């Protein structure tokens, strides 16, 4: 089974994910990109299942030239309905730039889609901060009780 299949929403409760900074399939403001100050945008999460013990956030770009590019992974986020701008509560893993923090959109050409995916888990994860997306997806497989996503778009110079 591919790792991405392990985290697809099948029988989970649907989380409602939104942002006050951009609409689903809308343009992400430059503030949250490599052309701005490169901080994470605010996210609002609704309909979190009662059995959720923590949240996981994965931000990636499937339009990157060589592969789906991981911009941010963070797990063991205490259950919350609001992830504030430039706020981190949880363990940040390694993104595809080799960093342990949010790296905002910075597409080499054209308009790219950035998927902000939130998972509600029924248990905390015991993962080292050196973990990457593949290790995170493997660890959370079988623990997912909710899933939601919002897609933002970005093109350099927009």
N, C-alpha and C. Protein backbone atom coordinates (compact mmCIF):
# COMPACT_ATOMS: atom_id res chain seq x y z
N UNK A 1 0.84 -1.18 0.00
CA UNK A 1 0.00 0.00 0.00
C UNK A 1 0.88 1.24 0.00
N UNK A 2 0.56 2.18 -0.86
CA UNK A 2 1.31 3.43 -0.89
C UNK A 2 1.03 4.20 0.39
N UNK A 3 2.02 4.98 0.84
CA UNK A 3 1.84 5.76 2.06
C UNK A 3 0.70 6.74 1.94
N UNK A 4 0.51 7.35 0.78
CA UNK A 4 -0.57 8.32 0.61
C UNK A 4 -1.92 7.64 0.77
N UNK A 5 -2.04 6.37 0.36
CA UNK A 5 -3.29 5.65 0.51
C UNK A 5 -3.60 5.41 1.98
N UNK A 6 -2.56 5.27 2.79
CA UNK A 6 -2.75 4.99 4.22
C UNK A 6 -3.40 6.16 4.94
N UNK A 7 -3.34 7.36 4.37
CA UNK A 7 -3.88 8.52 5.05
C UNK A 7 -5.04 9.16 4.31
N UNK A 8 -5.58 8.48 3.32
CA UNK A 8 -6.75 9.00 2.63
C UNK A 8 -7.97 8.86 3.55
N UNK A 9 -8.87 9.82 3.49
CA UNK A 9 -10.08 9.78 4.30
C UNK A 9 -11.02 8.70 3.76
N UNK A 10 -11.29 7.69 4.56
CA UNK A 10 -12.18 6.62 4.15
C UNK A 10 -13.42 6.67 5.04
N UNK A 11 -13.30 6.22 6.27
CA UNK A 11 -14.45 6.19 7.18
C UNK A 11 -14.27 7.20 8.31
N UNK A 12 -13.52 8.22 8.08
CA UNK A 12 -13.26 9.21 9.11
C UNK A 12 -14.37 10.26 9.11
N UNK A 13 -14.41 10.99 10.21
CA UNK A 13 -15.31 12.14 10.25
C UNK A 13 -14.65 13.26 9.46
N UNK A 14 -15.45 13.99 8.75
CA UNK A 14 -14.94 15.08 7.92
C UNK A 14 -14.74 16.32 8.79
N UNK A 15 -13.51 16.82 8.82
CA UNK A 15 -13.22 18.06 9.51
C UNK A 15 -13.47 19.21 8.54
N UNK A 16 -13.97 20.31 9.05
CA UNK A 16 -14.14 21.49 8.22
C UNK A 16 -12.94 22.38 8.47
N UNK A 17 -12.13 22.57 7.44
CA UNK A 17 -10.91 23.36 7.54
C UNK A 17 -11.07 24.62 6.70
N UNK A 18 -10.74 25.76 7.29
CA UNK A 18 -10.83 27.03 6.57
C UNK A 18 -9.72 27.96 7.06
N UNK A 19 -9.57 29.08 6.38
CA UNK A 19 -8.59 30.09 6.77
C UNK A 19 -9.21 31.47 6.58
N UNK A 20 -8.88 32.37 7.47
CA UNK A 20 -9.33 33.75 7.32
C UNK A 20 -8.46 34.49 6.31
N UNK A 21 -7.38 33.86 5.86
CA UNK A 21 -6.44 34.50 4.93
C UNK A 21 -6.66 34.16 3.46
N UNK A 22 -7.27 33.00 3.20
CA UNK A 22 -7.54 32.62 1.81
C UNK A 22 -8.69 31.62 1.77
N UNK A 23 -9.44 31.66 0.68
CA UNK A 23 -10.55 30.74 0.48
C UNK A 23 -10.03 29.43 -0.10
N UNK A 24 -10.82 28.37 0.04
CA UNK A 24 -10.46 27.10 -0.58
C UNK A 24 -10.32 27.33 -2.09
N UNK A 25 -9.20 26.91 -2.63
CA UNK A 25 -8.83 27.11 -4.04
C UNK A 25 -8.63 28.59 -4.40
N UNK A 26 -8.36 29.41 -3.37
CA UNK A 26 -8.06 30.82 -3.58
C UNK A 26 -6.56 31.08 -3.45
N UNK A 27 -6.16 32.28 -3.79
CA UNK A 27 -4.74 32.64 -3.74
C UNK A 27 -4.28 32.87 -2.31
N UNK A 28 -3.13 32.31 -1.98
CA UNK A 28 -2.51 32.50 -0.67
C UNK A 28 -1.82 33.87 -0.69
N UNK A 29 -2.05 34.70 0.32
CA UNK A 29 -1.36 36.00 0.37
C UNK A 29 0.16 35.83 0.44
N UNK A 30 0.89 36.74 -0.20
CA UNK A 30 2.35 36.67 -0.26
C UNK A 30 3.00 36.62 1.12
N UNK A 31 2.36 37.19 2.12
CA UNK A 31 2.89 37.17 3.49
C UNK A 31 3.31 35.77 3.92
N UNK A 32 2.58 34.75 3.47
CA UNK A 32 2.79 33.36 3.91
C UNK A 32 3.68 32.57 2.95
N UNK A 33 4.44 33.29 2.11
CA UNK A 33 5.26 32.64 1.08
C UNK A 33 6.71 33.12 1.17
N UNK A 34 7.54 32.60 0.26
CA UNK A 34 8.94 33.01 0.21
C UNK A 34 9.09 34.47 -0.21
N UNK A 35 8.04 35.05 -0.77
CA UNK A 35 8.08 36.47 -1.16
C UNK A 35 7.63 37.38 -0.02
N UNK A 36 7.15 36.78 1.06
CA UNK A 36 6.71 37.54 2.23
C UNK A 36 7.63 37.23 3.39
N UNK A 37 7.02 37.02 4.57
CA UNK A 37 7.85 36.69 5.74
C UNK A 37 7.82 35.21 6.05
N UNK A 38 7.15 34.43 5.17
CA UNK A 38 7.23 32.98 5.22
C UNK A 38 6.77 32.39 6.54
N UNK A 39 5.62 32.84 7.02
CA UNK A 39 5.02 32.29 8.24
C UNK A 39 3.77 31.52 7.86
N UNK A 40 3.36 30.59 8.72
CA UNK A 40 2.16 29.83 8.41
C UNK A 40 0.91 30.68 8.54
N UNK A 41 -0.06 30.44 7.64
CA UNK A 41 -1.33 31.17 7.72
C UNK A 41 -2.19 30.62 8.86
N UNK A 42 -3.17 31.40 9.30
CA UNK A 42 -4.10 30.89 10.31
C UNK A 42 -5.04 29.86 9.71
N UNK A 43 -5.39 28.87 10.51
CA UNK A 43 -6.34 27.84 10.08
C UNK A 43 -7.40 27.66 11.15
N UNK A 44 -8.63 27.45 10.72
CA UNK A 44 -9.74 27.18 11.63
C UNK A 44 -10.22 25.75 11.35
N UNK A 45 -10.42 25.00 12.43
CA UNK A 45 -10.80 23.58 12.32
C UNK A 45 -12.11 23.37 13.08
N UNK A 46 -13.10 22.86 12.38
CA UNK A 46 -14.40 22.59 13.01
C UNK A 46 -14.74 21.11 12.85
N UNK A 47 -15.67 20.67 13.66
CA UNK A 47 -16.19 19.30 13.63
C UNK A 47 -15.13 18.27 14.01
N UNK A 48 -14.30 18.61 15.00
CA UNK A 48 -13.29 17.67 15.50
C UNK A 48 -13.99 16.60 16.33
N UNK A 49 -13.75 15.32 16.04
CA UNK A 49 -14.40 14.25 16.81
C UNK A 49 -14.00 14.28 18.29
N UNK A 50 -14.92 13.88 19.15
CA UNK A 50 -14.66 13.87 20.59
C UNK A 50 -13.49 12.96 20.95
N UNK A 51 -13.29 11.89 20.19
CA UNK A 51 -12.22 10.93 20.52
C UNK A 51 -10.82 11.42 20.09
N UNK A 52 -10.74 12.56 19.46
CA UNK A 52 -9.43 13.09 19.03
C UNK A 52 -8.56 13.44 20.24
N UNK A 53 -7.32 12.98 20.19
CA UNK A 53 -6.34 13.28 21.24
C UNK A 53 -5.30 14.31 20.78
N UNK A 54 -5.14 14.43 19.45
CA UNK A 54 -4.19 15.39 18.90
C UNK A 54 -4.51 15.59 17.42
N UNK A 55 -3.85 16.59 16.85
CA UNK A 55 -3.99 16.89 15.42
C UNK A 55 -2.64 16.75 14.74
N UNK A 56 -2.68 16.51 13.45
CA UNK A 56 -1.50 16.45 12.59
C UNK A 56 -1.77 17.40 11.43
N UNK A 57 -0.75 18.13 11.01
CA UNK A 57 -0.87 19.03 9.87
C UNK A 57 0.22 18.70 8.86
N UNK A 58 -0.19 18.51 7.62
CA UNK A 58 0.74 18.28 6.52
C UNK A 58 0.43 19.32 5.44
N UNK A 59 1.45 20.03 4.99
CA UNK A 59 1.30 20.99 3.90
C UNK A 59 2.22 20.54 2.78
N UNK A 60 1.63 20.26 1.60
CA UNK A 60 2.46 19.84 0.49
C UNK A 60 1.95 20.37 -0.85
N UNK A 61 2.82 20.26 -1.84
CA UNK A 61 2.59 20.81 -3.18
C UNK A 61 2.74 19.68 -4.20
N UNK A 62 1.61 19.15 -4.71
CA UNK A 62 1.70 18.07 -5.69
C UNK A 62 2.13 18.54 -7.08
N UNK A 63 2.21 19.85 -7.29
CA UNK A 63 2.57 20.39 -8.60
C UNK A 63 4.08 20.65 -8.75
N UNK A 64 4.85 20.33 -7.73
CA UNK A 64 6.31 20.52 -7.81
C UNK A 64 6.86 19.65 -8.95
N UNK A 65 7.94 20.09 -9.57
CA UNK A 65 8.44 19.39 -10.77
C UNK A 65 8.84 17.93 -10.58
N UNK A 66 9.51 17.59 -9.49
CA UNK A 66 10.05 16.24 -9.37
C UNK A 66 9.17 15.29 -8.57
N UNK A 67 8.43 15.81 -7.58
CA UNK A 67 7.60 14.97 -6.72
C UNK A 67 6.71 15.89 -5.90
N UNK A 68 5.79 15.31 -5.15
CA UNK A 68 5.00 16.14 -4.22
C UNK A 68 5.97 16.68 -3.18
N UNK A 69 6.03 18.01 -3.08
CA UNK A 69 7.00 18.68 -2.20
C UNK A 69 6.35 18.98 -0.85
N UNK A 70 6.98 18.50 0.22
CA UNK A 70 6.46 18.69 1.57
C UNK A 70 7.00 20.00 2.14
N UNK A 71 6.09 20.90 2.49
CA UNK A 71 6.46 22.21 3.03
C UNK A 71 6.45 22.25 4.55
N UNK A 72 5.63 21.39 5.17
CA UNK A 72 5.53 21.43 6.64
C UNK A 72 4.84 20.17 7.12
N UNK A 73 5.39 19.56 8.17
CA UNK A 73 4.70 18.49 8.88
C UNK A 73 4.83 18.77 10.37
N UNK A 74 3.73 18.60 11.05
CA UNK A 74 3.71 18.85 12.49
C UNK A 74 2.67 17.91 13.11
N UNK A 75 3.04 17.27 14.22
CA UNK A 75 2.13 16.32 14.86
C UNK A 75 2.07 16.58 16.36
N UNK A 76 1.16 15.84 17.01
CA UNK A 76 0.90 16.01 18.44
C UNK A 76 0.49 17.44 18.78
N UNK A 77 -0.24 18.07 17.86
CA UNK A 77 -0.80 19.40 18.12
C UNK A 77 -1.97 19.18 19.09
N UNK A 78 -1.98 19.85 20.23
CA UNK A 78 -3.13 19.71 21.12
C UNK A 78 -4.41 20.07 20.37
N UNK A 79 -5.48 19.35 20.68
CA UNK A 79 -6.75 19.58 20.00
C UNK A 79 -7.15 21.04 20.18
N UNK A 80 -7.36 21.71 19.05
CA UNK A 80 -7.70 23.13 19.03
C UNK A 80 -8.55 23.41 17.80
N UNK A 81 -9.31 24.47 17.86
CA UNK A 81 -10.10 24.88 16.70
C UNK A 81 -9.41 25.98 15.90
N UNK A 82 -8.27 26.45 16.41
CA UNK A 82 -7.58 27.55 15.73
C UNK A 82 -6.07 27.36 15.79
N UNK A 83 -5.45 27.29 14.62
CA UNK A 83 -4.00 27.36 14.54
C UNK A 83 -3.72 28.78 14.07
N UNK A 84 -3.13 29.55 14.96
CA UNK A 84 -2.93 30.96 14.65
C UNK A 84 -1.76 31.17 13.71
N UNK A 85 -1.77 32.32 13.06
CA UNK A 85 -0.68 32.72 12.18
C UNK A 85 0.64 32.68 12.95
N UNK A 86 1.66 32.09 12.33
CA UNK A 86 3.00 32.03 12.91
C UNK A 86 3.01 31.37 14.28
N UNK A 87 2.18 30.33 14.44
CA UNK A 87 2.07 29.65 15.73
C UNK A 87 2.34 28.16 15.56
N UNK A 88 3.12 27.62 16.47
CA UNK A 88 3.45 26.20 16.43
C UNK A 88 3.24 25.60 17.81
N UNK A 89 2.38 24.58 17.87
CA UNK A 89 2.20 23.80 19.09
C UNK A 89 2.20 22.35 18.66
N UNK A 90 3.29 21.67 18.85
CA UNK A 90 3.41 20.29 18.42
C UNK A 90 4.85 20.03 18.04
N UNK A 91 5.08 18.88 17.44
CA UNK A 91 6.42 18.49 17.02
C UNK A 91 6.53 18.70 15.52
N UNK A 92 7.50 19.50 15.11
CA UNK A 92 7.72 19.74 13.68
C UNK A 92 8.75 18.74 13.16
N UNK A 93 8.35 18.01 12.13
CA UNK A 93 9.27 17.06 11.51
C UNK A 93 10.05 17.74 10.40
N UNK A 94 10.71 16.91 9.61
CA UNK A 94 11.59 17.41 8.55
C UNK A 94 10.81 17.54 7.24
N UNK A 95 10.85 18.74 6.66
CA UNK A 95 10.20 18.94 5.37
C UNK A 95 11.19 18.64 4.25
N UNK A 96 10.78 18.80 3.01
CA UNK A 96 11.65 18.44 1.89
C UNK A 96 12.78 19.43 1.65
N UNK A 97 12.78 20.53 2.37
CA UNK A 97 13.93 21.44 2.33
C UNK A 97 14.94 21.09 3.42
N UNK A 98 14.60 20.08 4.23
CA UNK A 98 15.48 19.67 5.32
C UNK A 98 15.30 20.51 6.58
N UNK A 99 14.21 21.28 6.63
CA UNK A 99 13.96 22.17 7.77
C UNK A 99 12.91 21.60 8.72
N UNK A 100 12.96 22.06 9.96
CA UNK A 100 11.97 21.70 10.97
C UNK A 100 11.03 22.89 11.19
N UNK A 101 10.53 23.46 10.15
CA UNK A 101 9.59 24.57 10.27
C UNK A 101 8.82 24.72 8.96
N UNK A 102 7.86 25.62 8.99
CA UNK A 102 7.05 25.91 7.81
C UNK A 102 7.91 26.61 6.76
N UNK A 103 7.87 26.09 5.55
CA UNK A 103 8.47 26.74 4.38
C UNK A 103 7.31 27.00 3.43
N UNK A 104 6.96 28.26 3.27
CA UNK A 104 5.80 28.62 2.47
C UNK A 104 5.98 28.41 0.98
N UNK A 105 4.90 28.63 0.25
CA UNK A 105 4.93 28.47 -1.20
C UNK A 105 6.03 29.30 -1.86
N UNK A 106 6.67 28.68 -2.86
CA UNK A 106 7.72 29.34 -3.63
C UNK A 106 7.88 28.56 -4.94
N UNK A 107 6.82 28.51 -5.76
CA UNK A 107 6.86 27.67 -6.95
C UNK A 107 7.88 28.16 -7.98
N UNK A 108 8.60 27.24 -8.61
CA UNK A 108 9.61 27.63 -9.60
C UNK A 108 8.99 28.24 -10.86
N UNK A 109 7.76 27.83 -11.18
CA UNK A 109 7.07 28.40 -12.35
C UNK A 109 5.59 28.11 -12.25
N UNK A 110 4.80 28.97 -12.81
CA UNK A 110 3.36 28.76 -12.86
C UNK A 110 2.68 28.84 -11.50
N UNK A 111 1.39 28.52 -11.50
CA UNK A 111 0.59 28.50 -10.28
C UNK A 111 0.57 27.08 -9.74
N UNK A 112 0.90 26.95 -8.46
CA UNK A 112 0.89 25.64 -7.80
C UNK A 112 -0.24 25.59 -6.78
N UNK A 113 -0.66 24.35 -6.47
CA UNK A 113 -1.66 24.10 -5.43
C UNK A 113 -0.94 23.65 -4.16
N UNK A 114 -1.37 24.20 -3.04
CA UNK A 114 -0.79 23.86 -1.74
C UNK A 114 -1.90 23.29 -0.87
N UNK A 115 -1.75 22.01 -0.53
CA UNK A 115 -2.75 21.31 0.26
C UNK A 115 -2.41 21.41 1.74
N UNK A 116 -3.30 22.01 2.51
CA UNK A 116 -3.18 22.08 3.97
C UNK A 116 -4.11 20.99 4.49
N UNK A 117 -3.54 19.90 5.00
CA UNK A 117 -4.32 18.73 5.42
C UNK A 117 -4.21 18.57 6.93
N UNK A 118 -5.37 18.46 7.59
CA UNK A 118 -5.40 18.27 9.03
C UNK A 118 -6.04 16.91 9.32
N UNK A 119 -5.37 16.16 10.18
CA UNK A 119 -5.85 14.86 10.62
C UNK A 119 -6.10 14.93 12.12
N UNK A 120 -7.20 14.35 12.57
CA UNK A 120 -7.46 14.18 14.00
C UNK A 120 -7.11 12.73 14.32
N UNK A 121 -6.29 12.53 15.35
CA UNK A 121 -5.87 11.18 15.73
C UNK A 121 -6.43 10.83 17.10
N UNK A 122 -6.65 9.53 17.32
CA UNK A 122 -7.16 9.09 18.62
C UNK A 122 -6.06 8.73 19.60
N UNK A 123 -4.82 9.06 19.28
CA UNK A 123 -3.70 8.83 20.18
C UNK A 123 -2.55 9.74 19.78
N UNK A 124 -1.64 9.99 20.73
CA UNK A 124 -0.44 10.76 20.43
C UNK A 124 0.55 9.89 19.68
N UNK A 125 1.44 10.51 18.94
CA UNK A 125 2.47 9.78 18.18
C UNK A 125 3.80 9.83 18.93
N UNK A 126 4.50 8.72 18.89
CA UNK A 126 5.83 8.64 19.49
C UNK A 126 6.83 8.61 18.34
N UNK A 127 7.12 9.81 17.83
CA UNK A 127 8.02 9.95 16.68
C UNK A 127 9.12 10.95 17.03
N UNK A 128 10.33 10.72 16.58
CA UNK A 128 11.39 11.72 16.79
C UNK A 128 11.20 12.90 15.84
N UNK A 129 11.71 14.05 16.20
CA UNK A 129 11.59 15.25 15.36
C UNK A 129 12.32 15.07 14.03
N UNK A 130 13.13 14.03 13.91
CA UNK A 130 13.84 13.76 12.65
C UNK A 130 12.96 13.04 11.64
N UNK A 131 11.71 12.74 12.00
CA UNK A 131 10.81 12.02 11.10
C UNK A 131 10.40 12.88 9.91
N UNK A 132 10.15 12.21 8.78
CA UNK A 132 9.68 12.90 7.58
C UNK A 132 8.23 12.49 7.32
N UNK A 133 7.67 12.94 6.21
CA UNK A 133 6.26 12.69 5.90
C UNK A 133 5.96 11.19 5.79
N UNK A 134 6.84 10.43 5.17
CA UNK A 134 6.62 8.99 5.01
C UNK A 134 6.52 8.33 6.38
N UNK A 135 7.45 8.65 7.27
CA UNK A 135 7.42 8.07 8.61
C UNK A 135 6.19 8.52 9.39
N UNK A 136 5.81 9.78 9.23
CA UNK A 136 4.62 10.31 9.90
C UNK A 136 3.37 9.58 9.41
N UNK A 137 3.22 9.44 8.11
CA UNK A 137 2.03 8.77 7.57
C UNK A 137 1.95 7.32 8.04
N UNK A 138 3.08 6.65 8.11
CA UNK A 138 3.09 5.26 8.58
C UNK A 138 2.67 5.20 10.06
N UNK A 139 3.19 6.12 10.87
CA UNK A 139 2.90 6.12 12.31
C UNK A 139 1.44 6.44 12.60
N UNK A 140 0.82 7.29 11.79
CA UNK A 140 -0.55 7.69 12.10
C UNK A 140 -1.60 6.79 11.44
N UNK A 141 -1.18 5.90 10.56
CA UNK A 141 -2.09 4.97 9.93
C UNK A 141 -2.81 4.15 11.00
N UNK A 142 -4.11 4.08 10.93
CA UNK A 142 -4.89 3.33 11.90
C UNK A 142 -5.34 4.16 13.10
N UNK A 143 -4.83 5.41 13.22
CA UNK A 143 -5.19 6.27 14.35
C UNK A 143 -6.09 7.44 13.92
N UNK A 144 -6.34 7.56 12.63
CA UNK A 144 -7.05 8.72 12.10
C UNK A 144 -8.55 8.60 12.35
N UNK A 145 -9.12 9.61 13.01
CA UNK A 145 -10.55 9.64 13.28
C UNK A 145 -11.24 10.81 12.57
N UNK A 146 -10.45 11.71 11.98
CA UNK A 146 -11.00 12.84 11.25
C UNK A 146 -9.99 13.38 10.26
N UNK A 147 -10.51 13.97 9.17
CA UNK A 147 -9.63 14.53 8.14
C UNK A 147 -10.34 15.69 7.44
N UNK A 148 -9.57 16.72 7.15
CA UNK A 148 -10.06 17.84 6.38
C UNK A 148 -8.92 18.53 5.66
N UNK A 149 -9.24 19.24 4.59
CA UNK A 149 -8.18 19.95 3.86
C UNK A 149 -8.73 21.21 3.23
N UNK A 150 -7.80 22.11 2.97
CA UNK A 150 -8.08 23.32 2.22
C UNK A 150 -6.91 23.49 1.25
N UNK A 151 -7.22 23.94 0.05
CA UNK A 151 -6.19 24.10 -0.98
C UNK A 151 -6.02 25.60 -1.25
N UNK A 152 -4.76 26.03 -1.19
CA UNK A 152 -4.42 27.40 -1.54
C UNK A 152 -3.58 27.40 -2.80
N UNK A 153 -3.66 28.47 -3.57
CA UNK A 153 -2.90 28.60 -4.81
C UNK A 153 -1.86 29.70 -4.65
N UNK A 154 -0.73 29.54 -5.37
CA UNK A 154 0.25 30.61 -5.37
C UNK A 154 1.09 30.57 -6.65
N UNK A 155 1.40 31.78 -7.11
CA UNK A 155 2.29 31.99 -8.26
C UNK A 155 3.20 33.13 -7.87
N UNK A 156 4.49 32.98 -8.11
CA UNK A 156 5.43 34.06 -7.76
C UNK A 156 5.01 35.35 -8.44
N UNK A 157 5.08 36.43 -7.69
CA UNK A 157 4.73 37.74 -8.21
C UNK A 157 3.25 38.05 -8.16
N UNK A 158 2.47 37.15 -7.52
CA UNK A 158 1.02 37.43 -7.48
C UNK A 158 0.64 38.33 -6.33
